[in-house]
C-alpha atoms as a PDB file:
ATOM      1  CA  MET A   1    -133.831 -79.188  80.605  1.00  0.00           C
ATOM      2  CA  GLN A   2    -136.497 -78.941  82.873  1.00  0.00           C
ATOM      3  CA  ASP A   3    -134.119 -78.793  86.165  1.00  0.00           C
ATOM      4  CA  TYR A   4    -132.263 -75.710  84.281  1.00  0.00           C
ATOM      5  CA  ILE A   5    -136.007 -73.865  83.616  1.00  0.00           C
ATOM      6  CA  LYS A   6    -136.755 -74.553  87.470  1.00  0.00           C
ATOM      7  CA  LEU A   7    -133.376 -73.327  88.318  1.00  0.00           C
ATOM      8  CA  VAL A   8    -133.645 -70.264  86.288  1.00  0.00           C
ATOM      9  CA  THR A   9    -137.412 -69.322  87.375  1.00  0.00           C
ATOM     10  CA  SER A  10    -136.382 -69.888  91.145  1.00  0.00           C
ATOM     11  CA  GLU A  11    -133.261 -67.368  90.513  1.00  0.00           C
ATOM     12  CA  LEU A  12    -135.625 -64.860  89.017  1.00  0.00           C
ATOM     13  CA  GLY A  13    -138.294 -65.262  91.627  1.00  0.00           C
ATOM     14  CA  ILE A  14    -140.846 -65.847  88.939  1.00  0.00           C
ATOM     15  CA  SER A  15    -143.307 -68.580  87.688  1.00  0.00           C
ATOM     16  CA  ILE A  16    -142.789 -70.763  84.629  1.00  0.00           C
ATOM     17  CA  TRP A  17    -145.822 -69.557  83.229  1.00  0.00           C
ATOM     18  CA  LEU A  18    -144.798 -66.019  83.449  1.00  0.00           C
ATOM     19  CA  LEU A  19    -141.556 -66.814  81.849  1.00  0.00           C
ATOM     20  CA  VAL A  20    -143.449 -68.418  78.909  1.00  0.00           C
ATOM     21  CA  VAL A  21    -145.718 -65.032  78.833  1.00  0.00           C
ATOM     22  CA  ILE A  22    -142.626 -62.811  78.549  1.00  0.00           C
ATOM     23  CA  ILE A  23    -140.772 -65.337  75.885  1.00  0.00           C
ATOM     24  CA  ILE A  24    -143.970 -65.375  73.980  1.00  0.00           C
ATOM     25  CA  TRP A  25    -144.499 -61.481  74.187  1.00  0.00           C
ATOM     26  CA  SER A  26    -140.835 -61.121  73.144  1.00  0.00           C
ATOM     27  CA  TYR A  27    -140.844 -63.154  70.068  1.00  0.00           C
ATOM     28  CA  PHE A  28    -144.272 -61.386  68.994  1.00  0.00           C
ATOM     29  CA  TRP A  29    -142.896 -58.266  69.141  1.00  0.00           C
ATOM     30  CA  LYS A  30    -139.435 -58.942  67.667  1.00  0.00           C
ATOM     31  CA  LEU A  31    -140.858 -61.125  64.730  1.00  0.00           C
ATOM     32  CA  LEU A  32    -143.063 -57.994  63.897  1.00  0.00           C
ATOM     33  CA  ALA A  33    -140.600 -55.466  64.179  1.00  0.00           C
ATOM     34  CA  LEU A  34    -138.168 -57.411  61.775  1.00  0.00           C
ATOM     35  CA  TRP A  35    -140.686 -58.177  59.518  1.00  0.00           C
ATOM     36  CA  LYS A  36    -141.208 -54.424  58.779  1.00  0.00           C
ATOM     37  CA  SER A  37    -137.981 -53.318  59.175  1.00  0.00           C
ATOM     38  CA  ALA A  38    -137.470 -56.011  56.251  1.00  0.00           C
ATOM     39  CA  ARG A  39    -140.124 -54.741  54.147  1.00  0.00           C
ATOM     40  CA  LYS A  40    -139.219 -51.169  54.717  1.00  0.00           C
ATOM     41  CA  GLY A  41    -135.478 -52.314  53.710  1.00  0.00           C
ATOM     42  CA  SER A  42    -133.857 -50.904  56.725  1.00  0.00           C
ATOM     43  CA  VAL A  43    -130.714 -53.340  57.259  1.00  0.00           C
ATOM     44  CA  ALA A  44    -129.315 -51.277  59.836  1.00  0.00           C
ATOM     45  CA  TRP A  45    -132.390 -51.919  61.913  1.00  0.00           C
ATOM     46  CA  PHE A  46    -133.240 -55.551  60.818  1.00  0.00           C
ATOM     47  CA  ILE A  47    -129.531 -56.306  62.370  1.00  0.00           C
ATOM     48  CA  LEU A  48    -130.072 -54.194  65.536  1.00  0.00           C
ATOM     49  CA  LEU A  49    -133.363 -55.653  66.333  1.00  0.00           C
ATOM     50  CA  ALA A  50    -132.189 -59.179  65.418  1.00  0.00           C
ATOM     51  CA  LEU A  51    -128.680 -58.685  67.762  1.00  0.00           C
ATOM     52  CA  ILE A  52    -130.496 -57.120  70.857  1.00  0.00           C
ATOM     53  CA  ASN A  53    -133.225 -58.267  73.409  1.00  0.00           C
ATOM     54  CA  THR A  54    -134.990 -55.733  75.119  1.00  0.00           C
ATOM     55  CA  VAL A  55    -138.264 -57.867  75.859  1.00  0.00           C
ATOM     56  CA  GLY A  56    -140.215 -55.759  73.053  1.00  0.00           C
ATOM     57  CA  ILE A  57    -139.318 -52.583  74.395  1.00  0.00           C
ATOM     58  CA  LEU A  58    -137.115 -51.676  71.310  1.00  0.00           C
ATOM     59  CA  GLU A  59    -139.357 -53.699  69.253  1.00  0.00           C
ATOM     60  CA  ILE A  60    -142.597 -51.643  69.768  1.00  0.00           C
ATOM     61  CA  LEU A  61    -140.833 -48.254  69.571  1.00  0.00           C
ATOM     62  CA  TYR A  62    -139.622 -49.172  65.839  1.00  0.00           C
ATOM     63  CA  ILE A  63    -142.758 -49.953  64.901  1.00  0.00           C
ATOM     64  CA  PHE A  64    -144.779 -47.527  66.508  1.00  0.00           C
ATOM     65  CA  VAL A  65    -142.052 -44.517  65.950  1.00  0.00           C
ATOM     66  CA  PHE A  66    -138.822 -45.079  64.327  1.00  0.00           C
ATOM     67  CA  SER A  67    -140.524 -46.816  61.160  1.00  0.00           C
ATOM     68  CA  GLU A  68    -143.119 -43.757  60.723  1.00  0.00           C
ATOM     69  CA  MET A  69    -140.509 -40.889  60.989  1.00  0.00           C
ATOM     70  CA  LYS A  70    -140.130 -39.487  57.302  1.00  0.00           C
ATOM     71  CA  PHE A  71    -136.340 -38.354  56.637  1.00  0.00           C
ATOM     72  CA  LYS A  72    -135.695 -35.781  54.432  1.00  0.00           C
ATOM     73  CA  LYS A  73    -133.520 -36.793  51.228  1.00  0.00           C
ATOM     74  CA  SER A  74    -130.684 -34.728  50.477  1.00  0.00           C
ATOM     75  CA  LYS A  75    -130.933 -31.783  47.916  1.00  0.00           C
ATOM     76  CA  VAL A  76    -127.958 -33.540  46.201  1.00  0.00           C
ATOM     77  CA  LYS A  77    -129.961 -36.212  45.210  1.00  0.00           C
ATOM     78  CA  LYS A  78    -132.702 -34.363  43.698  1.00  0.00           C
ATOM     79  CA  SER A  79    -130.313 -32.345  42.115  1.00  0.00           C
ATOM     80  CA  VAL A  80    -128.427 -34.896  40.243  1.00  0.00           C
ATOM     81  CA  LYS A  81    -131.997 -36.373  39.306  1.00  0.00           C
ATOM     82  CA  ARG A  82    -133.402 -33.006  37.733  1.00  0.00           C
ATOM     83  CA  GLN A  83    -129.804 -33.113  35.890  1.00  0.00           C
ATOM     84  CA  LYS A  84    -130.383 -36.752  34.479  1.00  0.00           C
ATOM     85  CA  ARG A  85    -133.958 -35.336  33.213  1.00  0.00           C
ATOM     86  CA  ARG A  86    -132.340 -32.635  31.496  1.00  0.00           C
ATOM     87  CA  LYS A  87    -129.746 -34.568  29.169  1.00  0.00           C
ATOM     88  CA  ARG A  88    -132.924 -36.676  28.006  1.00  0.00           C
END
């Protein structure tokens, strides 16, 4: 295992410590983004974030940009809810 890590770091031209920092950075943001998407009920985002590894870039964008966006509900759903209220 150590030989493999040394091979990977030498091929990438980085030190082992930098690789460890990158892995910790990536997993921190990934877990935070997965937690937030699960709490919001965003199944599509959860799957996307779980499958794609972008060293924290997509995760940071989701946390600070995409999860904060407010999407308008369609007028059809609102009118259906109003009709149900009227029937009561």
